[in-house]
Amino acid sequence: PGAEAVLARLLTEEGALGRGCLGSEQDVIAERLYEELPDACHFYPRDALAAFVLALKAGEAPPEDARFSVLDMPLYFGEVRLVDDVLLKAAAERGKWINVWTVDDPAEMDRLLAERIGGIMTDRPDLLRQRMDASGKPG
C-alpha cells in the first residue's frame, strides 16, 4: 500500500500515462491502481478476468467492469483454448483489447493473427515477426 500513489505521481510527472497499461494479478492491488490512476489503461486482474472468461464459457454475459480494458491472459488453460469466437466477439463489443501469452508455435501465431488478436507475447519474437510479415499485420 502506498506504492500506487508514488507510481501515479511518477507517471504523471513524466507524461507517461498513455504509454503503458497498468495492473496486477491480484485484484486488490489492481483496484488500488485504478483508484490512483482512473484515466490510465488497466488490465484485468486474476479474479475479474476469470469471471469474464468463465461467464462466456457458460454461455452467459460477462460482468461489466469499465475499470479494465485489457484482457491479458494465457491462450490455453490446460487443454482448453480460452480465445475463441465468443471471447473475441464479447471483447470487441465491449471495446476490450486481448493480449495472449505465451505463444511460441508458428501455426498458433498464424491463427491468432487471422483472428485479429490484439497482442501476442512470445519467447520467439523472431518467429512472430516472420508470421506478422507474412500476414501483412503491422506491428
N, C-alpha and C. Protein backbone atom coordinates (compact mmCIF):
# COMPACT_ATOMS: atom_id res chain seq x y z
N PRO A 1 0.83 -1.20 0.00
CA PRO A 1 0.00 0.00 0.00
C PRO A 1 0.87 1.26 0.00
N GLY A 2 0.45 2.21 -0.78
CA GLY A 2 1.20 3.46 -0.89
C GLY A 2 2.05 3.54 -2.14
N ALA A 3 2.48 2.41 -2.65
CA ALA A 3 3.29 2.41 -3.86
C ALA A 3 2.49 2.93 -5.05
N GLU A 4 1.19 2.73 -5.03
CA GLU A 4 0.34 3.18 -6.12
C GLU A 4 0.40 4.70 -6.28
N ALA A 5 0.41 5.42 -5.15
CA ALA A 5 0.47 6.89 -5.20
C ALA A 5 1.81 7.36 -5.75
N VAL A 6 2.87 6.67 -5.37
CA VAL A 6 4.20 7.01 -5.89
C VAL A 6 4.25 6.78 -7.39
N LEU A 7 3.73 5.65 -7.83
CA LEU A 7 3.68 5.35 -9.26
C LEU A 7 2.84 6.38 -10.01
N ALA A 8 1.70 6.73 -9.46
CA ALA A 8 0.82 7.72 -10.10
C ALA A 8 1.54 9.05 -10.27
N ARG A 9 2.22 9.48 -9.22
CA ARG A 9 2.94 10.75 -9.30
C ARG A 9 4.04 10.68 -10.35
N LEU A 10 4.81 9.61 -10.36
CA LEU A 10 5.90 9.47 -11.32
C LEU A 10 5.39 9.44 -12.76
N LEU A 11 4.37 8.64 -13.03
CA LEU A 11 3.83 8.55 -14.39
C LEU A 11 3.25 9.89 -14.85
N THR A 12 2.60 10.58 -13.94
CA THR A 12 2.03 11.88 -14.28
C THR A 12 3.13 12.90 -14.55
N GLU A 13 4.13 12.96 -13.68
CA GLU A 13 5.25 13.90 -13.86
C GLU A 13 5.98 13.66 -15.17
N GLU A 14 6.11 12.40 -15.55
CA GLU A 14 6.85 12.05 -16.77
C GLU A 14 5.97 12.08 -18.02
N GLY A 15 4.69 12.36 -17.87
CA GLY A 15 3.78 12.37 -19.01
C GLY A 15 3.67 11.00 -19.66
N ALA A 16 3.72 9.96 -18.84
CA ALA A 16 3.80 8.59 -19.37
C ALA A 16 2.51 7.79 -19.21
N LEU A 17 1.43 8.42 -18.81
CA LEU A 17 0.20 7.66 -18.57
C LEU A 17 -0.30 6.92 -19.81
N GLY A 18 -0.13 7.50 -20.98
CA GLY A 18 -0.64 6.88 -22.20
C GLY A 18 0.30 5.90 -22.86
N ARG A 19 1.42 5.61 -22.23
CA ARG A 19 2.43 4.75 -22.88
C ARG A 19 2.46 3.33 -22.36
N GLY A 20 1.53 2.97 -21.53
CA GLY A 20 1.54 1.61 -20.99
C GLY A 20 0.19 1.25 -20.43
N CYS A 21 0.13 0.07 -19.87
CA CYS A 21 -1.09 -0.42 -19.26
C CYS A 21 -0.72 -0.96 -17.89
N LEU A 22 -1.49 -0.60 -16.89
CA LEU A 22 -1.18 -0.95 -15.50
C LEU A 22 -2.06 -2.08 -15.01
N GLY A 23 -1.55 -2.76 -14.00
CA GLY A 23 -2.37 -3.77 -13.37
C GLY A 23 -1.56 -4.67 -12.49
N SER A 24 -2.26 -5.63 -11.96
CA SER A 24 -1.68 -6.64 -11.10
C SER A 24 -2.52 -7.90 -11.23
N GLU A 25 -1.90 -9.03 -11.02
CA GLU A 25 -2.68 -10.26 -10.99
C GLU A 25 -3.62 -10.25 -9.78
N GLN A 26 -3.21 -9.57 -8.73
CA GLN A 26 -4.01 -9.50 -7.51
C GLN A 26 -5.08 -8.41 -7.63
N ASP A 27 -6.31 -8.81 -7.48
CA ASP A 27 -7.44 -7.89 -7.67
C ASP A 27 -7.37 -6.68 -6.75
N VAL A 28 -6.98 -6.86 -5.51
CA VAL A 28 -6.93 -5.75 -4.55
C VAL A 28 -5.92 -4.70 -5.02
N ILE A 29 -4.77 -5.12 -5.49
CA ILE A 29 -3.75 -4.18 -5.96
C ILE A 29 -4.23 -3.50 -7.25
N ALA A 30 -4.83 -4.27 -8.15
CA ALA A 30 -5.35 -3.69 -9.40
C ALA A 30 -6.40 -2.62 -9.09
N GLU A 31 -7.23 -2.86 -8.10
CA GLU A 31 -8.26 -1.88 -7.73
C GLU A 31 -7.61 -0.61 -7.16
N ARG A 32 -6.56 -0.77 -6.35
CA ARG A 32 -5.86 0.41 -5.81
C ARG A 32 -5.19 1.20 -6.93
N LEU A 33 -4.62 0.50 -7.90
CA LEU A 33 -4.01 1.19 -9.04
C LEU A 33 -5.06 1.99 -9.80
N TYR A 34 -6.22 1.39 -10.00
CA TYR A 34 -7.30 2.10 -10.70
C TYR A 34 -7.73 3.34 -9.91
N GLU A 35 -7.85 3.21 -8.61
CA GLU A 35 -8.27 4.36 -7.79
C GLU A 35 -7.28 5.52 -7.91
N GLU A 36 -5.99 5.22 -7.99
CA GLU A 36 -4.97 6.26 -8.11
C GLU A 36 -4.90 6.84 -9.52
N LEU A 37 -5.13 6.00 -10.52
CA LEU A 37 -4.96 6.41 -11.92
C LEU A 37 -6.16 5.98 -12.76
N PRO A 38 -7.32 6.55 -12.53
CA PRO A 38 -8.52 6.11 -13.25
C PRO A 38 -8.48 6.37 -14.75
N ASP A 39 -7.65 7.30 -15.20
CA ASP A 39 -7.59 7.61 -16.63
C ASP A 39 -6.57 6.76 -17.38
N ALA A 40 -5.83 5.93 -16.69
CA ALA A 40 -4.82 5.08 -17.33
C ALA A 40 -5.47 3.80 -17.86
N CYS A 41 -4.75 3.12 -18.73
CA CYS A 41 -5.15 1.79 -19.20
C CYS A 41 -4.89 0.80 -18.06
N HIS A 42 -5.85 -0.10 -17.84
CA HIS A 42 -5.70 -1.11 -16.79
C HIS A 42 -6.08 -2.48 -17.34
N PHE A 43 -5.25 -3.49 -17.00
CA PHE A 43 -5.62 -4.84 -17.42
C PHE A 43 -6.33 -5.58 -16.29
N TYR A 44 -7.14 -6.54 -16.71
CA TYR A 44 -7.92 -7.32 -15.77
C TYR A 44 -7.03 -8.09 -14.81
N PRO A 45 -7.32 -8.04 -13.51
CA PRO A 45 -6.64 -8.90 -12.56
C PRO A 45 -7.25 -10.31 -12.61
N ARG A 46 -6.62 -11.22 -11.90
CA ARG A 46 -6.97 -12.65 -12.00
C ARG A 46 -8.46 -12.95 -11.81
N ASP A 47 -9.04 -12.54 -10.69
CA ASP A 47 -10.43 -12.92 -10.41
C ASP A 47 -11.41 -12.26 -11.37
N ALA A 48 -11.18 -11.00 -11.71
CA ALA A 48 -12.05 -10.30 -12.66
C ALA A 48 -11.94 -10.93 -14.05
N LEU A 49 -10.72 -11.31 -14.44
CA LEU A 49 -10.52 -11.97 -15.73
C LEU A 49 -11.21 -13.34 -15.75
N ALA A 50 -11.04 -14.09 -14.68
CA ALA A 50 -11.68 -15.41 -14.59
C ALA A 50 -13.20 -15.28 -14.68
N ALA A 51 -13.77 -14.29 -14.01
CA ALA A 51 -15.23 -14.08 -14.06
C ALA A 51 -15.68 -13.77 -15.47
N PHE A 52 -14.91 -12.94 -16.19
CA PHE A 52 -15.25 -12.57 -17.57
C PHE A 52 -15.23 -13.82 -18.46
N VAL A 53 -14.14 -14.57 -18.41
CA VAL A 53 -13.98 -15.73 -19.29
C VAL A 53 -14.95 -16.85 -18.91
N LEU A 54 -15.09 -17.14 -17.63
CA LEU A 54 -15.98 -18.23 -17.21
C LEU A 54 -17.44 -17.95 -17.56
N ALA A 55 -17.86 -16.70 -17.45
CA ALA A 55 -19.23 -16.37 -17.84
C ALA A 55 -19.46 -16.69 -19.31
N LEU A 56 -18.51 -16.31 -20.14
CA LEU A 56 -18.65 -16.59 -21.58
C LEU A 56 -18.64 -18.09 -21.85
N LYS A 57 -17.78 -18.83 -21.17
CA LYS A 57 -17.71 -20.28 -21.36
C LYS A 57 -19.01 -20.96 -20.93
N ALA A 58 -19.72 -20.33 -19.99
CA ALA A 58 -21.00 -20.87 -19.51
C ALA A 58 -22.18 -20.37 -20.35
N GLY A 59 -21.89 -19.58 -21.38
CA GLY A 59 -22.96 -19.06 -22.23
C GLY A 59 -23.69 -17.87 -21.64
N GLU A 60 -23.05 -17.21 -20.67
CA GLU A 60 -23.67 -16.07 -20.00
C GLU A 60 -22.95 -14.78 -20.41
N ALA A 61 -23.60 -13.66 -20.14
CA ALA A 61 -22.97 -12.36 -20.38
C ALA A 61 -21.91 -12.14 -19.31
N PRO A 62 -20.74 -11.66 -19.71
CA PRO A 62 -19.71 -11.41 -18.71
C PRO A 62 -20.05 -10.19 -17.86
N PRO A 63 -19.53 -10.14 -16.65
CA PRO A 63 -19.77 -8.95 -15.83
C PRO A 63 -19.16 -7.72 -16.48
N GLU A 64 -19.88 -6.62 -16.41
CA GLU A 64 -19.37 -5.35 -16.95
C GLU A 64 -18.42 -4.74 -15.92
N ASP A 65 -17.27 -4.30 -16.38
CA ASP A 65 -16.32 -3.64 -15.50
C ASP A 65 -15.52 -2.66 -16.33
N ALA A 66 -15.93 -1.41 -16.31
CA ALA A 66 -15.30 -0.39 -17.14
C ALA A 66 -13.90 -0.02 -16.68
N ARG A 67 -13.50 -0.46 -15.49
CA ARG A 67 -12.17 -0.12 -14.99
C ARG A 67 -11.08 -0.77 -15.83
N PHE A 68 -11.35 -1.94 -16.35
CA PHE A 68 -10.33 -2.73 -17.03
C PHE A 68 -10.62 -2.82 -18.52
N SER A 69 -9.60 -2.55 -19.34
CA SER A 69 -9.81 -2.54 -20.78
C SER A 69 -8.98 -3.57 -21.53
N VAL A 70 -8.07 -4.25 -20.83
CA VAL A 70 -7.21 -5.23 -21.50
C VAL A 70 -7.33 -6.59 -20.81
N LEU A 71 -7.65 -7.60 -21.62
CA LEU A 71 -7.63 -8.97 -21.13
C LEU A 71 -6.25 -9.53 -21.48
N ASP A 72 -5.41 -9.63 -20.48
CA ASP A 72 -4.04 -10.10 -20.63
C ASP A 72 -4.02 -11.50 -20.05
N MET A 73 -3.95 -12.52 -20.93
CA MET A 73 -4.32 -13.86 -20.49
C MET A 73 -3.55 -14.96 -21.22
N PRO A 74 -3.53 -16.14 -20.63
CA PRO A 74 -2.95 -17.27 -21.35
C PRO A 74 -3.87 -17.67 -22.50
N LEU A 75 -3.27 -18.21 -23.54
CA LEU A 75 -4.07 -18.70 -24.66
C LEU A 75 -4.83 -19.97 -24.27
N TYR A 76 -4.18 -20.80 -23.48
CA TYR A 76 -4.78 -22.07 -23.04
C TYR A 76 -4.82 -22.14 -21.52
N PHE A 77 -5.84 -22.81 -21.02
CA PHE A 77 -5.89 -23.22 -19.62
C PHE A 77 -5.98 -24.73 -19.67
N GLY A 78 -4.87 -25.38 -19.39
CA GLY A 78 -4.81 -26.83 -19.59
C GLY A 78 -4.95 -27.12 -21.06
N GLU A 79 -5.92 -27.92 -21.40
CA GLU A 79 -6.17 -28.28 -22.80
C GLU A 79 -7.22 -27.37 -23.46
N VAL A 80 -7.80 -26.45 -22.70
CA VAL A 80 -8.88 -25.61 -23.20
C VAL A 80 -8.30 -24.31 -23.77
N ARG A 81 -8.59 -24.07 -25.05
CA ARG A 81 -8.17 -22.81 -25.67
C ARG A 81 -9.16 -21.74 -25.23
N LEU A 82 -8.66 -20.75 -24.52
CA LEU A 82 -9.52 -19.71 -23.96
C LEU A 82 -9.99 -18.71 -25.01
N VAL A 83 -9.15 -18.42 -25.99
CA VAL A 83 -9.52 -17.48 -27.03
C VAL A 83 -10.33 -18.22 -28.09
N ASP A 84 -11.58 -17.82 -28.21
CA ASP A 84 -12.46 -18.41 -29.22
C ASP A 84 -13.32 -17.30 -29.80
N ASP A 85 -14.18 -17.64 -30.73
CA ASP A 85 -15.02 -16.63 -31.38
C ASP A 85 -15.90 -15.87 -30.38
N VAL A 86 -16.40 -16.57 -29.37
CA VAL A 86 -17.27 -15.95 -28.37
C VAL A 86 -16.50 -14.89 -27.58
N LEU A 87 -15.29 -15.23 -27.15
CA LEU A 87 -14.47 -14.28 -26.39
C LEU A 87 -14.08 -13.09 -27.27
N LEU A 88 -13.66 -13.37 -28.48
CA LEU A 88 -13.26 -12.29 -29.38
C LEU A 88 -14.43 -11.33 -29.64
N LYS A 89 -15.62 -11.88 -29.86
CA LYS A 89 -16.79 -11.04 -30.12
C LYS A 89 -17.17 -10.23 -28.89
N ALA A 90 -17.19 -10.88 -27.72
CA ALA A 90 -17.57 -10.18 -26.49
C ALA A 90 -16.59 -9.07 -26.17
N ALA A 91 -15.32 -9.33 -26.35
CA ALA A 91 -14.30 -8.31 -26.09
C ALA A 91 -14.47 -7.13 -27.06
N ALA A 92 -14.65 -7.43 -28.33
CA ALA A 92 -14.80 -6.37 -29.34
C ALA A 92 -16.04 -5.52 -29.06
N GLU A 93 -17.14 -6.16 -28.70
CA GLU A 93 -18.38 -5.43 -28.40
C GLU A 93 -18.22 -4.48 -27.22
N ARG A 94 -17.30 -4.81 -26.32
CA ARG A 94 -17.10 -4.00 -25.12
C ARG A 94 -15.87 -3.10 -25.21
N GLY A 95 -15.24 -3.09 -26.39
CA GLY A 95 -14.06 -2.25 -26.58
C GLY A 95 -12.85 -2.72 -25.80
N LYS A 96 -12.75 -4.02 -25.57
CA LYS A 96 -11.64 -4.60 -24.82
C LYS A 96 -10.56 -5.11 -25.78
N TRP A 97 -9.33 -4.98 -25.35
CA TRP A 97 -8.16 -5.46 -26.09
C TRP A 97 -7.75 -6.78 -25.48
N ILE A 98 -7.30 -7.75 -26.30
CA ILE A 98 -6.84 -9.04 -25.78
C ILE A 98 -5.38 -9.25 -26.13
N ASN A 99 -4.58 -9.53 -25.11
CA ASN A 99 -3.20 -9.99 -25.27
C ASN A 99 -3.15 -11.43 -24.78
N VAL A 100 -2.46 -12.29 -25.51
CA VAL A 100 -2.31 -13.68 -25.07
C VAL A 100 -0.84 -14.01 -24.87
N TRP A 101 -0.60 -14.96 -23.99
CA TRP A 101 0.75 -15.42 -23.69
C TRP A 101 0.73 -16.91 -23.43
N THR A 102 1.73 -17.55 -23.47
CA THR A 102 2.99 -17.38 -24.19
C THR A 102 2.88 -18.27 -25.42
N VAL A 103 2.92 -17.66 -26.60
CA VAL A 103 2.67 -18.38 -27.85
C VAL A 103 3.98 -18.47 -28.62
N ASP A 104 4.49 -19.69 -28.76
CA ASP A 104 5.74 -19.93 -29.48
C ASP A 104 5.56 -20.77 -30.74
N ASP A 105 4.36 -21.29 -30.95
CA ASP A 105 4.07 -22.14 -32.10
C ASP A 105 3.66 -21.29 -33.30
N PRO A 106 4.38 -21.41 -34.44
CA PRO A 106 4.05 -20.59 -35.61
C PRO A 106 2.61 -20.78 -36.12
N ALA A 107 2.09 -21.99 -36.08
CA ALA A 107 0.72 -22.22 -36.55
C ALA A 107 -0.29 -21.49 -35.65
N GLU A 108 -0.03 -21.51 -34.35
CA GLU A 108 -0.92 -20.81 -33.42
C GLU A 108 -0.80 -19.31 -33.62
N MET A 109 0.40 -18.83 -33.90
CA MET A 109 0.60 -17.41 -34.21
C MET A 109 -0.22 -17.01 -35.42
N ASP A 110 -0.15 -17.84 -36.47
CA ASP A 110 -0.92 -17.56 -37.69
C ASP A 110 -2.41 -17.49 -37.40
N ARG A 111 -2.90 -18.44 -36.60
CA ARG A 111 -4.33 -18.47 -36.27
C ARG A 111 -4.72 -17.20 -35.50
N LEU A 112 -3.90 -16.81 -34.53
CA LEU A 112 -4.20 -15.62 -33.74
C LEU A 112 -4.18 -14.36 -34.61
N LEU A 113 -3.23 -14.29 -35.51
CA LEU A 113 -3.17 -13.14 -36.42
C LEU A 113 -4.41 -13.09 -37.30
N ALA A 114 -4.85 -14.25 -37.77
CA ALA A 114 -6.06 -14.30 -38.59
C ALA A 114 -7.30 -13.90 -37.76
N GLU A 115 -7.27 -14.24 -36.47
CA GLU A 115 -8.38 -13.88 -35.58
C GLU A 115 -8.31 -12.41 -35.16
N ARG A 116 -7.24 -11.74 -35.55
CA ARG A 116 -7.05 -10.32 -35.26
C ARG A 116 -6.92 -10.05 -33.76
N ILE A 117 -6.19 -10.93 -33.10
CA ILE A 117 -5.92 -10.75 -31.67
C ILE A 117 -5.15 -9.45 -31.47
N GLY A 118 -5.30 -8.81 -30.33
CA GLY A 118 -4.63 -7.54 -30.07
C GLY A 118 -3.12 -7.67 -29.94
N GLY A 119 -2.66 -8.64 -29.16
CA GLY A 119 -1.24 -8.79 -28.94
C GLY A 119 -0.87 -10.22 -28.61
N ILE A 120 0.34 -10.58 -29.01
CA ILE A 120 0.86 -11.92 -28.75
C ILE A 120 2.18 -11.78 -28.01
N MET A 121 2.27 -12.39 -26.84
CA MET A 121 3.53 -12.43 -26.11
C MET A 121 4.17 -13.79 -26.40
N THR A 122 5.47 -13.75 -26.67
CA THR A 122 6.16 -14.95 -27.11
C THR A 122 7.60 -14.96 -26.63
N ASP A 123 8.16 -16.15 -26.54
CA ASP A 123 9.59 -16.30 -26.30
C ASP A 123 10.34 -16.36 -27.63
N ARG A 124 9.58 -16.32 -28.73
CA ARG A 124 10.17 -16.40 -30.08
C ARG A 124 9.75 -15.21 -30.92
N PRO A 125 10.22 -14.01 -30.57
CA PRO A 125 9.84 -12.82 -31.35
C PRO A 125 10.30 -12.90 -32.80
N ASP A 126 11.35 -13.65 -33.07
CA ASP A 126 11.80 -13.83 -34.45
C ASP A 126 10.74 -14.53 -35.28
N LEU A 127 10.13 -15.59 -34.73
CA LEU A 127 9.06 -16.30 -35.44
C LEU A 127 7.81 -15.44 -35.58
N LEU A 128 7.48 -14.72 -34.52
CA LEU A 128 6.30 -13.86 -34.58
C LEU A 128 6.49 -12.79 -35.66
N ARG A 129 7.67 -12.18 -35.73
CA ARG A 129 7.93 -11.16 -36.74
C ARG A 129 7.76 -11.75 -38.14
N GLN A 130 8.28 -12.96 -38.35
CA GLN A 130 8.12 -13.62 -39.66
C GLN A 130 6.65 -13.84 -39.98
N ARG A 131 5.88 -14.32 -38.99
CA ARG A 131 4.46 -14.60 -39.21
C ARG A 131 3.70 -13.30 -39.45
N MET A 132 4.05 -12.23 -38.73
CA MET A 132 3.38 -10.94 -38.94
C MET A 132 3.70 -10.39 -40.31
N ASP A 133 4.95 -10.49 -40.72
CA ASP A 133 5.35 -10.02 -42.05
C ASP A 133 4.60 -10.79 -43.14
N ALA A 134 4.47 -12.11 -42.96
CA ALA A 134 3.79 -12.95 -43.95
C ALA A 134 2.30 -12.64 -44.00
N SER A 135 1.73 -12.23 -42.88
CA SER A 135 0.28 -11.95 -42.83
C SER A 135 -0.05 -10.52 -43.24
N GLY A 136 0.98 -9.67 -43.28
CA GLY A 136 0.74 -8.27 -43.59
C GLY A 136 0.25 -7.47 -42.40
N LYS A 137 0.26 -8.07 -41.21
CA LYS A 137 -0.19 -7.36 -39.99
C LYS A 137 0.92 -6.43 -39.53
N PRO A 138 0.58 -5.15 -39.35
CA PRO A 138 1.60 -4.21 -38.86
C PRO A 138 1.95 -4.53 -37.41
N GLY A 139 3.07 -4.01 -36.97
CA GLY A 139 3.41 -4.23 -35.56
C GLY A 139 4.72 -3.79 -35.20
